[in-house]
């Protein structure tokens, strides 16, 4: 049968970064090595990989446990603030949230925000240096569709589009 449960809500602190819709569209239509476009779902999947890599290096840099921080994907339309569970369909700007996993927050998200450029650069280095081809637990996790346009490939393209450079 169906399970009906109330939504789980927690007040905490977070910081977010937005991938402009123009970048999503450009990456979605860029052909891979075999000439097939990535498509929007794979670009969003690649963004989840970017979030995973940033979370990984942030936990190391802030010397906290992996479960102390978490990420989620949301979106926004127009000038409104991004919504954590907001739409991520066409016409919205996909947004990655990095947030404290404890109620009220303990300051990890703020510290990550202060070091965001360094952490993004270190995340790119992590993904770039990984020996896998499509994504693995050491960098961006395997994607939704392992193959010609893997999560790692798209994650690297997202870092480049965001202007992130290697340290």
N, C-alpha and C. Protein backbone atom coordinates (compact mmCIF):
# COMPACT_ATOMS: atom_id res chain seq x y z
N UNK A 1 0.81 -1.18 0.00
CA UNK A 1 0.00 0.00 0.00
C UNK A 1 0.86 1.25 0.00
N UNK A 2 0.19 2.36 -0.06
CA UNK A 2 0.88 3.64 -0.05
C UNK A 2 1.20 4.05 1.38
N UNK A 3 2.33 4.65 1.53
CA UNK A 3 2.76 5.18 2.82
C UNK A 3 2.53 6.68 2.81
N UNK A 4 1.84 7.17 3.79
CA UNK A 4 1.63 8.60 3.90
C UNK A 4 2.24 9.08 5.20
N UNK A 5 3.19 9.97 5.06
CA UNK A 5 3.87 10.52 6.23
C UNK A 5 4.00 12.02 6.04
N UNK A 6 4.00 12.77 7.13
CA UNK A 6 4.18 14.21 6.98
C UNK A 6 5.60 14.53 6.51
N UNK A 7 5.77 15.64 5.79
CA UNK A 7 7.11 16.01 5.35
C UNK A 7 8.01 16.29 6.54
N UNK A 8 9.27 15.96 6.39
CA UNK A 8 10.24 16.22 7.45
C UNK A 8 10.84 17.60 7.19
N UNK A 9 10.76 18.46 8.17
CA UNK A 9 11.32 19.79 8.05
C UNK A 9 12.27 20.03 9.21
N UNK A 10 13.34 20.76 8.91
CA UNK A 10 14.32 21.08 9.93
C UNK A 10 14.85 22.47 9.64
N UNK A 11 14.86 23.32 10.63
CA UNK A 11 15.45 24.65 10.49
C UNK A 11 16.94 24.52 10.72
N UNK A 12 17.73 24.95 9.73
CA UNK A 12 19.18 24.87 9.84
C UNK A 12 19.79 25.98 9.00
N UNK A 13 21.09 25.97 8.84
CA UNK A 13 21.76 26.98 8.02
C UNK A 13 22.33 26.31 6.78
N UNK A 14 22.45 27.09 5.72
CA UNK A 14 22.93 26.54 4.45
C UNK A 14 23.55 27.65 3.62
N UNK A 15 24.30 27.26 2.63
CA UNK A 15 24.65 28.18 1.56
C UNK A 15 24.37 27.46 0.27
N UNK A 16 24.19 28.22 -0.79
CA UNK A 16 23.83 27.60 -2.05
C UNK A 16 24.57 28.26 -3.19
N UNK A 17 24.64 27.53 -4.28
CA UNK A 17 25.14 28.11 -5.53
C UNK A 17 24.20 27.68 -6.65
N UNK A 18 24.05 28.57 -7.60
CA UNK A 18 23.08 28.41 -8.67
C UNK A 18 23.82 28.17 -9.98
N UNK A 19 23.36 27.19 -10.74
CA UNK A 19 23.87 26.97 -12.09
C UNK A 19 22.91 27.67 -13.04
N UNK A 20 23.35 28.75 -13.69
CA UNK A 20 22.43 29.50 -14.55
C UNK A 20 21.78 28.61 -15.62
N UNK A 21 20.54 28.90 -15.90
CA UNK A 21 19.78 28.11 -16.87
C UNK A 21 20.46 28.09 -18.23
N UNK A 22 21.12 29.18 -18.62
CA UNK A 22 21.82 29.21 -19.91
C UNK A 22 22.93 28.15 -19.96
N UNK A 23 23.61 27.96 -18.83
CA UNK A 23 24.67 26.95 -18.76
C UNK A 23 24.06 25.55 -18.86
N UNK A 24 22.95 25.34 -18.19
CA UNK A 24 22.27 24.04 -18.25
C UNK A 24 21.89 23.73 -19.70
N UNK A 25 21.28 24.71 -20.37
CA UNK A 25 20.87 24.50 -21.76
C UNK A 25 22.06 24.22 -22.68
N UNK A 26 23.16 24.97 -22.48
CA UNK A 26 24.35 24.76 -23.30
C UNK A 26 24.92 23.36 -23.10
N UNK A 27 25.06 22.95 -21.84
CA UNK A 27 25.60 21.62 -21.55
C UNK A 27 24.66 20.52 -22.03
N UNK A 28 23.36 20.76 -21.94
CA UNK A 28 22.37 19.75 -22.35
C UNK A 28 22.40 19.50 -23.85
N UNK A 29 22.79 20.50 -24.61
CA UNK A 29 22.80 20.35 -26.08
C UNK A 29 24.18 20.06 -26.64
N UNK A 30 25.21 20.08 -25.81
CA UNK A 30 26.56 19.79 -26.27
C UNK A 30 26.70 18.30 -26.56
N UNK A 31 27.12 17.93 -27.77
CA UNK A 31 27.25 16.50 -28.08
C UNK A 31 28.45 15.87 -27.37
N UNK A 32 28.29 14.60 -27.03
CA UNK A 32 29.39 13.86 -26.42
C UNK A 32 30.28 13.30 -27.53
N UNK A 33 31.21 12.42 -27.15
CA UNK A 33 32.15 11.83 -28.11
C UNK A 33 31.45 11.05 -29.22
N UNK A 34 30.25 10.59 -28.95
CA UNK A 34 29.51 9.80 -29.94
C UNK A 34 28.45 10.63 -30.65
N UNK A 35 28.43 11.95 -30.41
CA UNK A 35 27.52 12.84 -31.11
C UNK A 35 26.15 13.01 -30.49
N UNK A 36 25.89 12.37 -29.35
CA UNK A 36 24.57 12.48 -28.71
C UNK A 36 24.59 13.60 -27.67
N UNK A 37 23.54 14.43 -27.62
CA UNK A 37 23.49 15.47 -26.59
C UNK A 37 23.27 14.86 -25.21
N UNK A 38 23.78 15.55 -24.20
CA UNK A 38 23.66 15.04 -22.83
C UNK A 38 22.21 15.06 -22.35
N UNK A 39 21.49 16.13 -22.62
CA UNK A 39 20.12 16.27 -22.14
C UNK A 39 20.08 16.84 -20.73
N UNK A 40 18.99 17.50 -20.40
CA UNK A 40 18.83 18.15 -19.10
C UNK A 40 18.94 17.19 -17.92
N UNK A 41 18.31 16.00 -17.96
CA UNK A 41 18.43 15.10 -16.79
C UNK A 41 19.88 14.74 -16.47
N UNK A 42 20.70 14.54 -17.48
CA UNK A 42 22.10 14.19 -17.21
C UNK A 42 22.89 15.39 -16.69
N UNK A 43 22.54 16.59 -17.14
CA UNK A 43 23.21 17.78 -16.61
C UNK A 43 22.87 17.93 -15.13
N UNK A 44 21.61 17.75 -14.78
CA UNK A 44 21.22 17.83 -13.36
C UNK A 44 21.90 16.73 -12.56
N UNK A 45 22.05 15.56 -13.16
CA UNK A 45 22.76 14.47 -12.50
C UNK A 45 24.23 14.85 -12.28
N UNK A 46 24.83 15.48 -13.28
CA UNK A 46 26.21 15.96 -13.14
C UNK A 46 26.33 16.99 -12.03
N UNK A 47 25.31 17.85 -11.88
CA UNK A 47 25.31 18.84 -10.81
C UNK A 47 25.24 18.16 -9.44
N UNK A 48 24.51 17.06 -9.36
CA UNK A 48 24.50 16.29 -8.11
C UNK A 48 25.91 15.74 -7.82
N UNK A 49 26.63 15.36 -8.86
CA UNK A 49 28.01 14.90 -8.68
C UNK A 49 28.91 16.02 -8.19
N UNK A 50 28.73 17.23 -8.72
CA UNK A 50 29.49 18.39 -8.25
C UNK A 50 29.20 18.62 -6.76
N UNK A 51 27.93 18.53 -6.38
CA UNK A 51 27.55 18.72 -4.98
C UNK A 51 28.22 17.68 -4.09
N UNK A 52 28.26 16.43 -4.56
CA UNK A 52 28.89 15.36 -3.78
C UNK A 52 30.38 15.65 -3.58
N UNK A 53 31.06 16.08 -4.64
CA UNK A 53 32.49 16.37 -4.54
C UNK A 53 32.75 17.55 -3.60
N UNK A 54 31.94 18.58 -3.70
CA UNK A 54 32.11 19.75 -2.81
C UNK A 54 31.85 19.35 -1.36
N UNK A 55 30.85 18.54 -1.13
CA UNK A 55 30.58 18.07 0.23
C UNK A 55 31.77 17.27 0.77
N UNK A 56 32.32 16.42 -0.06
CA UNK A 56 33.45 15.58 0.36
C UNK A 56 34.64 16.43 0.79
N UNK A 57 35.05 17.40 -0.05
CA UNK A 57 36.22 18.20 0.30
C UNK A 57 35.91 19.18 1.43
N UNK A 58 34.65 19.61 1.54
CA UNK A 58 34.28 20.51 2.63
C UNK A 58 34.39 19.80 3.98
N UNK A 59 33.92 18.57 4.03
CA UNK A 59 34.02 17.80 5.28
C UNK A 59 35.48 17.63 5.69
N UNK A 60 36.33 17.38 4.73
CA UNK A 60 37.76 17.23 5.03
C UNK A 60 38.35 18.56 5.48
N UNK A 61 38.06 19.64 4.76
CA UNK A 61 38.63 20.95 5.09
C UNK A 61 38.15 21.47 6.44
N UNK A 62 36.90 21.20 6.78
CA UNK A 62 36.34 21.68 8.05
C UNK A 62 36.51 20.67 9.18
N UNK A 63 37.12 19.54 8.86
CA UNK A 63 37.36 18.47 9.82
C UNK A 63 36.08 18.06 10.54
N UNK A 64 35.07 17.74 9.74
CA UNK A 64 33.82 17.26 10.31
C UNK A 64 33.45 15.94 9.65
N UNK A 65 32.53 15.23 10.23
CA UNK A 65 32.09 13.95 9.69
C UNK A 65 31.21 14.18 8.45
N UNK A 66 31.19 13.21 7.57
CA UNK A 66 30.42 13.32 6.34
C UNK A 66 28.93 13.52 6.62
N UNK A 67 28.44 12.99 7.72
CA UNK A 67 27.01 13.16 8.04
C UNK A 67 26.70 14.50 8.71
N UNK A 68 27.72 15.33 8.99
CA UNK A 68 27.49 16.65 9.58
C UNK A 68 27.00 17.67 8.56
N UNK A 69 27.29 17.41 7.29
CA UNK A 69 26.85 18.27 6.19
C UNK A 69 26.07 17.43 5.20
N UNK A 70 25.15 18.06 4.50
CA UNK A 70 24.44 17.35 3.45
C UNK A 70 24.15 18.31 2.32
N UNK A 71 23.72 17.76 1.19
CA UNK A 71 23.38 18.57 0.03
C UNK A 71 22.00 18.16 -0.48
N UNK A 72 21.40 19.07 -1.18
CA UNK A 72 20.15 18.78 -1.89
C UNK A 72 20.09 19.70 -3.09
N UNK A 73 19.26 19.33 -4.03
CA UNK A 73 19.09 20.11 -5.25
C UNK A 73 17.70 20.72 -5.26
N UNK A 74 17.63 21.99 -5.56
CA UNK A 74 16.37 22.70 -5.69
C UNK A 74 16.44 23.63 -6.87
N UNK A 75 15.56 24.62 -6.89
CA UNK A 75 15.55 25.54 -8.01
C UNK A 75 14.84 26.83 -7.67
N UNK A 76 14.84 27.73 -8.65
CA UNK A 76 14.14 29.00 -8.49
C UNK A 76 13.71 29.49 -9.86
N UNK A 77 12.71 30.31 -9.86
CA UNK A 77 12.29 30.97 -11.08
C UNK A 77 12.30 32.46 -10.83
N UNK A 78 12.71 33.22 -11.80
CA UNK A 78 12.74 34.68 -11.66
C UNK A 78 13.68 35.14 -10.59
N UNK A 79 13.25 36.14 -9.82
CA UNK A 79 14.10 36.76 -8.80
C UNK A 79 13.88 36.20 -7.40
N UNK A 80 12.99 35.22 -7.26
CA UNK A 80 12.72 34.67 -5.93
C UNK A 80 13.94 33.92 -5.41
N UNK A 81 13.99 33.75 -4.11
CA UNK A 81 15.05 32.96 -3.51
C UNK A 81 14.88 31.51 -3.93
N UNK A 82 15.98 30.79 -4.08
CA UNK A 82 15.85 29.37 -4.42
C UNK A 82 15.12 28.60 -3.33
N UNK A 83 14.37 27.61 -3.74
CA UNK A 83 13.66 26.75 -2.80
C UNK A 83 14.34 25.39 -2.76
N UNK A 84 14.58 24.88 -1.57
CA UNK A 84 15.29 23.62 -1.41
C UNK A 84 14.62 22.50 -2.19
N UNK A 85 13.33 22.42 -2.15
CA UNK A 85 12.63 21.39 -2.91
C UNK A 85 11.90 22.02 -4.08
N UNK A 86 12.42 23.15 -4.54
CA UNK A 86 11.78 23.86 -5.64
C UNK A 86 11.93 23.12 -6.96
N UNK A 87 11.28 23.62 -7.98
CA UNK A 87 11.32 22.97 -9.28
C UNK A 87 12.72 23.03 -9.88
N UNK A 88 13.07 22.02 -10.63
CA UNK A 88 14.35 22.04 -11.35
C UNK A 88 14.11 21.74 -12.83
N UNK A 89 12.90 21.96 -13.27
CA UNK A 89 12.56 21.74 -14.68
C UNK A 89 13.02 22.90 -15.53
N UNK A 90 12.75 22.82 -16.83
CA UNK A 90 13.13 23.90 -17.75
C UNK A 90 12.58 25.24 -17.27
N UNK A 91 13.37 26.29 -17.42
CA UNK A 91 12.96 27.61 -16.98
C UNK A 91 13.34 27.93 -15.55
N UNK A 92 13.94 27.00 -14.86
CA UNK A 92 14.39 27.26 -13.49
C UNK A 92 15.91 27.17 -13.44
N UNK A 93 16.48 27.81 -12.46
CA UNK A 93 17.93 27.76 -12.27
C UNK A 93 18.23 26.70 -11.21
N UNK A 94 18.81 25.56 -11.60
CA UNK A 94 19.13 24.53 -10.60
C UNK A 94 20.07 25.08 -9.54
N UNK A 95 19.78 24.74 -8.30
CA UNK A 95 20.50 25.27 -7.15
C UNK A 95 20.94 24.13 -6.24
N UNK A 96 22.21 24.14 -5.87
CA UNK A 96 22.73 23.16 -4.92
C UNK A 96 22.81 23.82 -3.56
N UNK A 97 22.25 23.15 -2.55
CA UNK A 97 22.31 23.62 -1.18
C UNK A 97 23.26 22.72 -0.40
N UNK A 98 24.20 23.33 0.32
CA UNK A 98 25.07 22.62 1.26
C UNK A 98 24.63 23.10 2.64
N UNK A 99 24.16 22.18 3.48
CA UNK A 99 23.58 22.61 4.74
C UNK A 99 24.07 21.77 5.92
N UNK A 100 24.01 22.41 7.10
CA UNK A 100 24.32 21.72 8.35
C UNK A 100 23.23 20.68 8.58
N UNK A 101 23.64 19.47 8.93
CA UNK A 101 22.67 18.40 9.16
C UNK A 101 22.02 18.46 10.53
N UNK A 102 22.50 19.32 11.40
CA UNK A 102 21.91 19.41 12.74
C UNK A 102 20.94 20.59 12.80
N UNK A 103 19.88 20.40 13.57
CA UNK A 103 18.87 21.44 13.72
C UNK A 103 19.50 22.73 14.23
N UNK A 104 19.17 23.83 13.61
CA UNK A 104 19.73 25.12 14.01
C UNK A 104 21.08 25.40 13.41
N UNK A 105 21.77 24.37 12.94
CA UNK A 105 23.10 24.54 12.36
C UNK A 105 24.15 24.78 13.43
N UNK A 106 25.38 24.45 13.11
CA UNK A 106 26.49 24.66 14.04
C UNK A 106 27.58 25.52 13.43
N UNK A 107 27.28 26.15 12.29
CA UNK A 107 28.25 27.06 11.67
C UNK A 107 29.06 26.47 10.54
N UNK A 108 28.83 25.21 10.20
CA UNK A 108 29.62 24.60 9.13
C UNK A 108 29.32 25.23 7.77
N UNK A 109 28.06 25.49 7.49
CA UNK A 109 27.69 26.08 6.21
C UNK A 109 28.29 27.48 6.06
N UNK A 110 28.28 28.24 7.13
CA UNK A 110 28.89 29.58 7.07
C UNK A 110 30.38 29.49 6.81
N UNK A 111 31.05 28.57 7.49
CA UNK A 111 32.49 28.41 7.27
C UNK A 111 32.78 27.94 5.85
N UNK A 112 31.93 27.08 5.32
CA UNK A 112 32.09 26.62 3.94
C UNK A 112 31.88 27.78 2.97
N UNK A 113 30.89 28.62 3.25
CA UNK A 113 30.64 29.78 2.39
C UNK A 113 31.85 30.69 2.34
N UNK A 114 32.47 30.93 3.49
CA UNK A 114 33.65 31.79 3.55
C UNK A 114 34.80 31.23 2.71
N UNK A 115 34.86 29.92 2.54
CA UNK A 115 35.95 29.27 1.81
C UNK A 115 35.48 28.68 0.47
N UNK A 116 34.35 29.14 -0.04
CA UNK A 116 33.69 28.53 -1.21
C UNK A 116 34.59 28.42 -2.43
N UNK A 117 35.39 29.43 -2.72
CA UNK A 117 36.24 29.36 -3.91
C UNK A 117 37.32 28.30 -3.76
N UNK A 118 37.95 28.27 -2.60
CA UNK A 118 38.96 27.25 -2.32
C UNK A 118 38.35 25.85 -2.38
N UNK A 119 37.18 25.69 -1.78
CA UNK A 119 36.54 24.37 -1.74
C UNK A 119 36.10 23.92 -3.12
N UNK A 120 35.61 24.82 -3.93
CA UNK A 120 35.23 24.47 -5.31
C UNK A 120 36.46 24.04 -6.10
N UNK A 121 37.56 24.74 -5.91
CA UNK A 121 38.80 24.40 -6.59
C UNK A 121 39.32 23.03 -6.14
N UNK A 122 39.23 22.77 -4.85
CA UNK A 122 39.67 21.47 -4.34
C UNK A 122 38.75 20.34 -4.81
N UNK A 123 37.47 20.64 -4.94
CA UNK A 123 36.53 19.63 -5.45
C UNK A 123 36.85 19.30 -6.91
N UNK A 124 37.14 20.32 -7.70
CA UNK A 124 37.54 20.09 -9.08
C UNK A 124 38.80 19.24 -9.13
N UNK A 125 39.76 19.54 -8.28
CA UNK A 125 41.00 18.75 -8.24
C UNK A 125 40.70 17.30 -7.90
N UNK A 126 39.81 17.06 -6.95
CA UNK A 126 39.42 15.70 -6.57
C UNK A 126 38.85 14.95 -7.76
N UNK A 127 37.92 15.56 -8.47
CA UNK A 127 37.28 14.91 -9.61
C UNK A 127 38.26 14.72 -10.75
N UNK A 128 39.05 15.74 -11.03
CA UNK A 128 40.01 15.68 -12.13
C UNK A 128 41.06 14.60 -11.91
N UNK A 129 41.51 14.44 -10.68
CA UNK A 129 42.59 13.50 -10.38
C UNK A 129 42.10 12.06 -10.23
N UNK A 130 40.81 11.86 -10.10
CA UNK A 130 40.28 10.51 -9.90
C UNK A 130 40.51 9.67 -11.16
N UNK A 131 40.89 8.44 -10.98
CA UNK A 131 41.21 7.55 -12.10
C UNK A 131 40.02 6.91 -12.77
N UNK A 132 38.81 7.15 -12.29
CA UNK A 132 37.63 6.53 -12.89
C UNK A 132 37.27 7.23 -14.20
N UNK A 133 36.35 6.63 -14.95
CA UNK A 133 35.93 7.24 -16.21
C UNK A 133 34.57 7.91 -16.14
N UNK A 134 33.62 7.34 -15.41
CA UNK A 134 32.26 7.86 -15.40
C UNK A 134 31.79 8.39 -14.05
N UNK A 135 32.57 8.23 -13.02
CA UNK A 135 32.16 8.62 -11.67
C UNK A 135 32.21 7.43 -10.75
N UNK A 136 32.64 7.67 -9.53
CA UNK A 136 32.78 6.59 -8.55
C UNK A 136 32.59 7.18 -7.16
N UNK A 137 32.53 6.35 -6.12
CA UNK A 137 32.35 6.87 -4.76
C UNK A 137 33.48 7.78 -4.27
N UNK A 138 34.63 7.74 -4.95
CA UNK A 138 35.74 8.59 -4.53
C UNK A 138 35.63 10.01 -5.07
N UNK A 139 34.79 10.24 -6.09
CA UNK A 139 34.72 11.60 -6.65
C UNK A 139 33.29 12.12 -6.74
N UNK A 140 32.49 11.65 -7.68
CA UNK A 140 31.15 12.20 -7.89
C UNK A 140 30.04 11.16 -7.78
N UNK A 141 30.35 9.96 -7.44
CA UNK A 141 29.42 8.82 -7.42
C UNK A 141 29.02 8.44 -8.85
N UNK A 142 28.61 7.21 -9.06
CA UNK A 142 28.11 6.83 -10.39
C UNK A 142 26.82 7.59 -10.70
N UNK A 143 26.62 7.90 -11.97
CA UNK A 143 25.46 8.67 -12.38
C UNK A 143 24.25 7.83 -12.73
N UNK A 144 23.22 8.50 -13.23
CA UNK A 144 21.98 7.81 -13.57
C UNK A 144 22.10 6.96 -14.81
N UNK A 145 23.05 7.29 -15.67
CA UNK A 145 23.18 6.58 -16.92
C UNK A 145 24.66 6.45 -17.26
N UNK A 146 25.29 5.45 -16.71
CA UNK A 146 26.71 5.26 -16.95
C UNK A 146 26.92 4.95 -18.43
N UNK A 147 27.86 5.62 -19.02
CA UNK A 147 28.10 5.38 -20.44
C UNK A 147 28.79 6.55 -21.09
N UNK A 148 28.38 6.87 -22.31
CA UNK A 148 29.06 7.88 -23.12
C UNK A 148 29.12 9.25 -22.43
N UNK A 149 28.04 9.66 -21.81
CA UNK A 149 28.03 10.93 -21.11
C UNK A 149 27.89 10.63 -19.62
N UNK A 150 29.00 10.31 -18.98
CA UNK A 150 28.97 9.94 -17.57
C UNK A 150 28.90 11.15 -16.67
N UNK A 151 28.56 10.91 -15.42
CA UNK A 151 28.43 11.97 -14.42
C UNK A 151 29.73 12.75 -14.27
N UNK A 152 30.85 12.06 -14.29
CA UNK A 152 32.14 12.74 -14.12
C UNK A 152 32.40 13.73 -15.25
N UNK A 153 32.15 13.30 -16.47
CA UNK A 153 32.38 14.16 -17.64
C UNK A 153 31.55 15.45 -17.52
N UNK A 154 30.30 15.31 -17.16
CA UNK A 154 29.42 16.48 -17.05
C UNK A 154 29.81 17.32 -15.84
N UNK A 155 30.19 16.69 -14.75
CA UNK A 155 30.62 17.45 -13.57
C UNK A 155 31.83 18.32 -13.90
N UNK A 156 32.79 17.77 -14.64
CA UNK A 156 33.96 18.56 -15.04
C UNK A 156 33.54 19.73 -15.93
N UNK A 157 32.58 19.51 -16.82
CA UNK A 157 32.09 20.59 -17.68
C UNK A 157 31.39 21.66 -16.86
N UNK A 158 30.67 21.26 -15.81
CA UNK A 158 30.00 22.23 -14.94
C UNK A 158 31.02 23.07 -14.19
N UNK A 159 32.05 22.44 -13.64
CA UNK A 159 33.11 23.19 -12.97
C UNK A 159 33.70 24.23 -13.92
N UNK A 160 33.99 23.80 -15.16
CA UNK A 160 34.57 24.73 -16.15
C UNK A 160 33.62 25.88 -16.42
N UNK A 161 32.33 25.58 -16.61
CA UNK A 161 31.34 26.62 -16.90
C UNK A 161 31.20 27.59 -15.74
N UNK A 162 31.43 27.12 -14.52
CA UNK A 162 31.34 27.97 -13.33
C UNK A 162 32.61 28.79 -13.12
N UNK A 163 33.63 28.56 -13.95
CA UNK A 163 34.87 29.31 -13.82
C UNK A 163 35.80 28.80 -12.74
N UNK A 164 35.59 27.58 -12.28
CA UNK A 164 36.44 26.99 -11.24
C UNK A 164 37.72 26.49 -11.90
N UNK A 165 38.84 26.79 -11.28
CA UNK A 165 40.14 26.36 -11.80
C UNK A 165 40.84 25.48 -10.77
N UNK A 166 41.78 24.69 -11.25
CA UNK A 166 42.57 23.83 -10.36
C UNK A 166 43.45 24.68 -9.47
N UNK A 167 43.67 24.22 -8.23
CA UNK A 167 44.52 25.00 -7.32
C UNK A 167 45.97 25.03 -7.78
